[in-house]
């Protein structure tokens, strides 16, 4: 029996817990993982290509890297990767959604989305507690990152629904990191669901 590879797209605000969840899923299941923020910061720090340096100049200054560059990096990574994959922070605009979903379908992936709907106030609380987030985070940048999600990214959920991509919505305000992981894992892979698979508060599934 041929196993169809899965592409799990993580969406959500900074501080929602999507990064830790996607990292845990990739590590435990052996999936390749592209976390776009980490990828771009590493590329900026290591590349000597003047063009790449120019494209990545907005990083650290509160501005977005242009869509065309992000799309190119995403597509190259997907085409050079085999097996099931996790994409975190890869889709932040409609053009990125169109391009990434198109190449995933072209390569025969079963596409699923994990959408963290943790309230912005809770995300802010977590990030300002010093227990989560990036080393370069400060109050202003945290507010800007959360506002960007609310104003520019959250509405993209409708495009996933219109494309009939299966989505699980996760509000992990009352869940531990391990409980959140188990709930997402049980949804993605019910054939290996753990015994504590039912009744997690804050999870909803939108079917195709």
Protein backbone atom coordinates (compact mmCIF):
# COMPACT_ATOMS: atom_id res chain seq x y z
CA UNK A 1 0.00 0.00 0.00
CA UNK A 2 1.41 3.38 -1.04
CA UNK A 3 1.28 5.96 1.75
CA UNK A 4 0.32 9.45 0.63
CA UNK A 5 2.64 12.04 2.20
CA UNK A 6 1.05 14.66 4.42
CA UNK A 7 1.73 18.39 4.31
CA UNK A 8 0.72 19.98 7.62
CA UNK A 9 0.41 23.77 7.39
CA UNK A 10 0.56 25.60 10.71
CA UNK A 11 -1.14 28.96 11.06
CA UNK A 12 -1.59 31.28 14.03
CA UNK A 13 -0.31 34.32 15.86
CA UNK A 14 3.07 34.68 17.52
CA UNK A 15 2.83 33.17 21.00
CA UNK A 16 -0.05 30.87 20.09
CA UNK A 17 2.08 27.76 20.51
CA UNK A 18 2.12 26.71 16.87
CA UNK A 19 5.92 26.75 16.68
CA UNK A 20 6.44 24.36 19.58
CA UNK A 21 3.64 22.14 18.33
CA UNK A 22 4.97 21.98 14.78
CA UNK A 23 8.49 21.31 16.06
CA UNK A 24 7.24 18.50 18.29
CA UNK A 25 5.22 16.93 15.45
CA UNK A 26 8.17 17.05 13.05
CA UNK A 27 10.59 15.64 15.62
CA UNK A 28 8.40 12.78 16.81
CA UNK A 29 7.05 11.78 13.40
CA UNK A 30 10.26 12.32 11.45
CA UNK A 31 8.71 14.93 9.15
CA UNK A 32 10.84 17.57 7.45
CA UNK A 33 10.00 21.03 8.83
CA UNK A 34 10.24 24.48 7.29
CA UNK A 35 9.79 27.29 9.81
CA UNK A 36 10.02 30.31 7.55
CA UNK A 37 11.09 32.86 10.15
CA UNK A 38 13.99 30.70 11.34
CA UNK A 39 14.91 29.85 7.76
CA UNK A 40 15.07 33.48 6.67
CA UNK A 41 16.99 34.64 9.74
CA UNK A 42 19.56 31.88 9.18
CA UNK A 43 19.78 32.77 5.49
CA UNK A 44 20.33 36.44 6.32
CA UNK A 45 23.07 35.59 8.80
CA UNK A 46 24.95 33.16 6.54
CA UNK A 47 24.44 34.24 2.93
CA UNK A 48 27.07 36.32 1.14
CA UNK A 49 24.85 36.85 -1.92
CA UNK A 50 24.16 40.61 -2.28
CA UNK A 51 20.73 39.94 -3.80
CA UNK A 52 19.67 37.75 -0.88
CA UNK A 53 21.05 40.27 1.62
CA UNK A 54 18.99 42.99 -0.06
CA UNK A 55 15.81 40.91 -0.07
CA UNK A 56 16.20 40.05 3.62
CA UNK A 57 17.03 43.57 4.79
CA UNK A 58 13.47 44.09 6.17
CA UNK A 59 14.04 41.36 8.79
CA UNK A 60 14.59 42.97 12.16
CA UNK A 61 13.11 46.28 11.03
CA UNK A 62 9.43 45.43 11.32
CA UNK A 63 8.85 45.11 7.57
CA UNK A 64 7.80 42.15 5.47
CA UNK A 65 10.03 40.34 3.01
CA UNK A 66 8.39 40.54 -0.41
CA UNK A 67 6.05 37.78 -1.54
CA UNK A 68 8.03 36.77 -4.62
CA UNK A 69 11.15 35.98 -2.59
CA UNK A 70 9.21 34.01 0.04
CA UNK A 71 7.35 32.05 -2.63
CA UNK A 72 10.60 31.17 -4.42
CA UNK A 73 12.21 29.92 -1.21
CA UNK A 74 9.12 27.93 -0.22
CA UNK A 75 8.69 26.23 -3.57
CA UNK A 76 12.38 25.31 -3.84
CA UNK A 77 12.31 23.79 -0.35
CA UNK A 78 9.15 21.78 -1.03
CA UNK A 79 10.44 20.46 -4.36
CA UNK A 80 13.75 19.43 -2.78
CA UNK A 81 12.11 17.61 0.14
CA UNK A 82 10.64 14.11 0.19
CA UNK A 83 8.14 12.51 2.53
CA UNK A 84 5.67 14.20 4.86
CA UNK A 85 6.39 17.81 5.78
CA UNK A 86 5.47 20.52 8.26
CA UNK A 87 5.18 24.14 7.12
CA UNK A 88 5.17 26.80 9.83
CA UNK A 89 4.86 30.50 9.03
CA UNK A 90 5.15 29.81 5.31
CA UNK A 91 1.80 31.32 4.28
CA UNK A 92 1.23 34.96 5.20
CA UNK A 93 -0.58 36.29 2.12
CA UNK A 94 -2.98 35.18 -0.63
CA UNK A 95 -0.21 34.92 -3.28
CA UNK A 96 1.80 32.73 -0.92
CA UNK A 97 -1.27 30.58 -0.25
CA UNK A 98 -1.93 30.13 -3.98
CA UNK A 99 1.67 29.24 -4.82
CA UNK A 100 2.31 26.88 -1.91
CA UNK A 101 -0.98 25.00 -2.20
CA UNK A 102 -0.49 24.64 -5.96
CA UNK A 103 2.96 23.03 -5.61
CA UNK A 104 1.75 20.79 -2.77
CA UNK A 105 -1.11 19.53 -4.93
CA UNK A 106 1.26 19.11 -7.87
CA UNK A 107 3.45 16.86 -5.72
CA UNK A 108 0.51 14.80 -4.47
CA UNK A 109 0.41 15.82 -0.81
CA UNK A 110 -2.59 15.31 1.45
CA UNK A 111 -2.84 18.88 2.74
CA UNK A 112 -4.09 19.60 6.25
CA UNK A 113 -4.01 22.77 8.31
CA UNK A 114 -3.55 23.26 12.05
CA UNK A 115 -4.87 26.72 12.92
CA UNK A 116 -4.06 28.09 16.36
CA UNK A 117 -6.86 30.46 17.42
CA UNK A 118 -5.43 31.25 20.84
CA UNK A 119 -6.70 34.78 21.75
CA UNK A 120 -4.24 37.65 21.04
CA UNK A 121 -4.31 38.72 24.71
CA UNK A 122 -3.15 35.25 25.76
CA UNK A 123 -0.42 35.28 23.08
CA UNK A 124 0.81 38.66 24.32
CA UNK A 125 0.83 37.43 27.91
CA UNK A 126 2.93 34.42 26.98
CA UNK A 127 5.44 36.39 24.93
CA UNK A 128 5.93 39.10 27.54
CA UNK A 129 6.43 36.54 30.29
CA UNK A 130 9.82 35.73 28.83
CA UNK A 131 9.00 32.03 28.52
CA UNK A 132 8.27 32.05 24.79
CA UNK A 133 9.17 33.98 21.68
CA UNK A 134 12.42 35.02 20.07
CA UNK A 135 15.54 36.40 21.68
CA UNK A 136 15.08 39.73 19.88
CA UNK A 137 11.48 40.17 21.08
CA UNK A 138 10.52 43.28 22.97
CA UNK A 139 7.13 44.77 23.82
CA UNK A 140 6.81 46.85 20.65
CA UNK A 141 7.83 44.05 18.30
CA UNK A 142 5.52 41.60 20.06
CA UNK A 143 2.55 43.94 19.65
CA UNK A 144 3.44 44.49 15.99
CA UNK A 145 3.71 40.76 15.28
CA UNK A 146 0.34 40.00 16.87
CA UNK A 147 -1.32 42.95 15.10
CA UNK A 148 0.09 41.75 11.78
CA UNK A 149 -1.54 38.37 12.31
CA UNK A 150 -4.89 39.92 13.20
CA UNK A 151 -4.94 42.41 10.32
CA UNK A 152 -3.15 40.53 7.52
CA UNK A 153 -3.15 36.79 8.16
CA UNK A 154 -6.18 35.68 10.16
CA UNK A 155 -8.58 36.26 7.26
CA UNK A 156 -6.64 33.78 5.09
CA UNK A 157 -8.51 30.97 6.82
CA UNK A 158 -11.39 31.45 4.38
CA UNK A 159 -9.09 30.58 1.47
CA UNK A 160 -8.25 27.24 3.14
CA UNK A 161 -11.96 26.56 3.59
CA UNK A 162 -12.73 27.52 -0.01
CA UNK A 163 -9.94 25.18 -1.18
CA UNK A 164 -11.56 22.38 0.87
CA UNK A 165 -8.45 21.87 2.98
CA UNK A 166 -9.22 20.06 6.22
CA UNK A 167 -8.57 22.32 9.22
CA UNK A 168 -8.37 21.76 12.97
CA UNK A 169 -8.76 24.94 15.02
CA UNK A 170 -6.83 24.97 18.28
CA UNK A 171 -7.30 27.30 21.24
CA UNK A 172 -4.74 25.92 23.67
CA UNK A 173 -5.40 28.44 26.45
CA UNK A 174 -6.40 25.60 28.77
CA UNK A 175 -4.18 22.88 27.34
CA UNK A 176 -0.59 21.95 28.14
CA UNK A 177 1.89 21.68 25.29
CA UNK A 178 1.74 17.88 25.47
CA UNK A 179 -2.07 17.83 25.52
CA UNK A 180 -2.12 20.11 22.50
CA UNK A 181 0.33 17.89 20.67
CA UNK A 182 -1.65 14.74 21.47
CA UNK A 183 -4.90 16.32 20.31
CA UNK A 184 -3.38 17.45 17.00
CA UNK A 185 -1.61 14.12 16.56
CA UNK A 186 -4.81 12.17 17.19
CA UNK A 187 -6.57 14.26 14.56
CA UNK A 188 -3.82 13.84 11.99
CA UNK A 189 -3.27 10.15 12.68
CA UNK A 190 -6.39 8.60 14.26
CA UNK A 191 -4.99 5.15 13.47
CA UNK A 192 -2.36 5.66 16.19
CA UNK A 193 -4.44 7.82 18.53
CA UNK A 194 -3.53 7.71 22.20
CA UNK A 195 -6.01 6.62 24.85
CA UNK A 196 -6.57 10.23 25.98
CA UNK A 197 -7.74 11.33 22.56
CA UNK A 198 -11.18 12.63 23.44
CA UNK A 199 -12.63 15.67 25.09
CA UNK A 200 -9.92 18.28 24.73
CA UNK A 201 -11.52 21.67 25.25
CA UNK A 202 -10.76 24.29 22.63
CA UNK A 203 -10.52 22.10 19.54
CA UNK A 204 -12.84 22.23 16.56
CA UNK A 205 -12.58 20.63 13.15
CA UNK A 206 -13.80 22.13 9.89
CA UNK A 207 -14.40 19.34 7.40
CA UNK A 208 -14.06 19.54 3.65
